[in-house]
Amino acid sequence: MTRNTKITVAERVEIIRDLIAILPEGTTVYTVIHAVASSGMSRTMTVFAVVNGEVRNLNYRVAQLGIGTLTKNDQIRVSGTGMDMGFHVVYSLSRALYEGTGSTDAGYSLNHRWL
């Protein structure tokens, strides 16, 4: 799959199943900021988790779900200002994975930490 292309519903379901398998509820997802645009309107970051003792970069899968876009350096670019954008990415990922599973607010099914 090429960078930032649309995915089919079946591909989205497969991505969500794969991510739920490695990111069960309560997992901590980490973000590292790499750059902030001079306008302050976008940031690039890396999103990852520790799975079975190994650091797993989640950028590609996060971008496939439409949460930010993948840069040529394989980082996530998110637009916005006035809020914690790392939290926003993890909250959006959590909702994408756990919406409709009975959680009161699926956005809080994963934990977020900055590094």
Protein backbone atom coordinates (compact mmCIF):
# COMPACT_ATOMS: atom_id res chain seq x y z
CA MET A 1 0.00 0.00 0.00
CA THR A 2 1.34 3.42 -0.84
CA ARG A 3 1.59 6.30 1.58
CA ASN A 4 -1.70 8.00 2.57
CA THR A 5 -3.97 6.07 0.20
CA LYS A 6 -7.56 5.23 1.03
CA ILE A 7 -8.26 1.77 2.39
CA THR A 8 -11.24 -0.48 1.88
CA VAL A 9 -13.67 -1.35 4.67
CA ALA A 10 -12.24 -4.88 4.77
CA GLU A 11 -8.70 -3.51 5.12
CA ARG A 12 -9.83 -1.17 7.90
CA VAL A 13 -11.45 -4.06 9.78
CA GLU A 14 -8.24 -6.10 9.42
CA ILE A 15 -6.09 -3.20 10.68
CA ILE A 16 -8.39 -2.69 13.67
CA ARG A 17 -8.32 -6.42 14.51
CA ASP A 18 -4.50 -6.47 14.28
CA LEU A 19 -4.17 -3.38 16.48
CA ILE A 20 -6.64 -4.66 19.10
CA ALA A 21 -4.57 -7.85 19.31
CA ILE A 22 -1.39 -5.92 20.15
CA LEU A 23 -3.05 -3.01 22.02
CA PRO A 24 -5.54 -4.46 24.51
CA GLU A 25 -7.48 -2.00 26.64
CA GLY A 26 -5.22 -0.37 29.22
CA THR A 27 -2.10 -0.46 27.01
CA THR A 28 0.07 2.65 27.14
CA VAL A 29 0.75 4.26 23.76
CA TYR A 30 3.71 6.63 23.62
CA THR A 31 4.27 9.67 21.44
CA VAL A 32 7.43 11.59 20.63
CA ILE A 33 7.24 14.96 18.94
CA HIS A 34 9.79 15.63 16.22
CA ALA A 35 8.85 19.06 14.88
CA VAL A 36 6.28 21.82 15.12
CA ALA A 37 5.52 23.89 12.02
CA SER A 38 6.62 27.51 12.28
CA SER A 39 2.94 28.49 12.12
CA GLY A 40 2.24 26.20 15.08
CA MET A 41 -0.60 24.61 13.13
CA SER A 42 0.87 21.12 12.68
CA ARG A 43 3.29 18.73 14.30
CA THR A 44 5.15 15.59 13.31
CA MET A 45 5.47 12.77 15.79
CA THR A 46 6.05 9.06 16.23
CA VAL A 47 3.45 6.85 17.87
CA PHE A 48 4.57 3.57 19.40
CA ALA A 49 3.87 0.95 22.05
CA VAL A 50 5.86 -1.70 23.85
CA VAL A 51 4.50 -5.10 22.82
CA ASN A 52 5.95 -8.25 24.38
CA GLY A 53 9.06 -6.31 25.38
CA GLU A 54 9.63 -4.85 21.91
CA VAL A 55 9.06 -1.27 20.80
CA ARG A 56 6.54 -1.25 17.94
CA ASN A 57 6.21 1.79 15.69
CA LEU A 58 2.50 2.35 14.98
CA ASN A 59 2.79 5.29 12.56
CA TYR A 60 1.85 3.42 9.40
CA ARG A 61 -1.26 1.79 10.89
CA VAL A 62 -2.34 5.02 12.61
CA ALA A 63 -2.10 6.89 9.29
CA GLN A 64 -4.03 4.11 7.51
CA LEU A 65 -6.89 4.70 9.96
CA GLY A 66 -6.94 8.37 8.92
CA ILE A 67 -5.41 9.72 12.13
CA GLY A 68 -2.91 12.17 10.71
CA THR A 69 -0.90 11.58 7.57
CA LEU A 70 2.37 9.78 7.02
CA THR A 71 5.30 12.01 6.05
CA LYS A 72 8.15 11.03 3.74
CA ASN A 73 10.15 10.33 6.93
CA ASP A 74 7.43 7.90 8.09
CA GLN A 75 6.30 10.18 10.89
CA ILE A 76 2.71 11.18 11.63
CA ARG A 77 1.73 14.75 10.76
CA VAL A 78 -1.27 16.09 12.64
CA SER A 79 -2.87 19.47 12.20
CA GLY A 80 -4.33 21.56 14.96
CA THR A 81 -3.47 23.83 17.82
CA GLY A 82 -4.61 24.64 21.32
CA MET A 83 -4.60 21.10 22.66
CA ASP A 84 -2.30 18.18 23.41
CA MET A 85 -1.94 16.67 19.95
CA GLY A 86 -0.22 13.49 21.21
CA PHE A 87 -3.19 12.86 23.47
CA HIS A 88 -5.50 13.62 20.54
CA VAL A 89 -3.80 11.00 18.35
CA VAL A 90 -3.96 8.30 21.04
CA TYR A 91 -7.55 9.22 21.97
CA SER A 92 -8.55 9.00 18.28
CA LEU A 93 -6.76 5.67 17.91
CA SER A 94 -8.48 4.34 21.02
CA ARG A 95 -11.90 5.40 19.68
CA ALA A 96 -11.17 3.81 16.30
CA LEU A 97 -10.34 0.52 18.03
CA TYR A 98 -12.84 0.38 20.87
CA GLU A 99 -15.90 2.39 19.77
CA GLY A 100 -19.00 0.26 20.18
CA THR A 101 -17.43 -2.23 22.58
CA GLY A 102 -19.43 -1.05 25.57
CA SER A 103 -16.87 1.38 26.98
CA THR A 104 -18.43 4.57 28.35
CA ASP A 105 -15.89 6.61 26.40
CA ALA A 106 -13.83 4.40 24.11
CA GLY A 107 -11.26 7.18 23.71
CA TYR A 108 -9.92 6.38 27.16
CA SER A 109 -9.42 2.64 26.53
CA LEU A 110 -5.73 3.25 25.80
CA ASN A 111 -3.35 5.29 27.96
CA HIS A 112 -1.08 8.02 26.60
CA ARG A 113 2.42 9.06 27.65
CA TRP A 114 4.85 11.51 26.07
CA LEU A 115 8.53 10.68 25.78
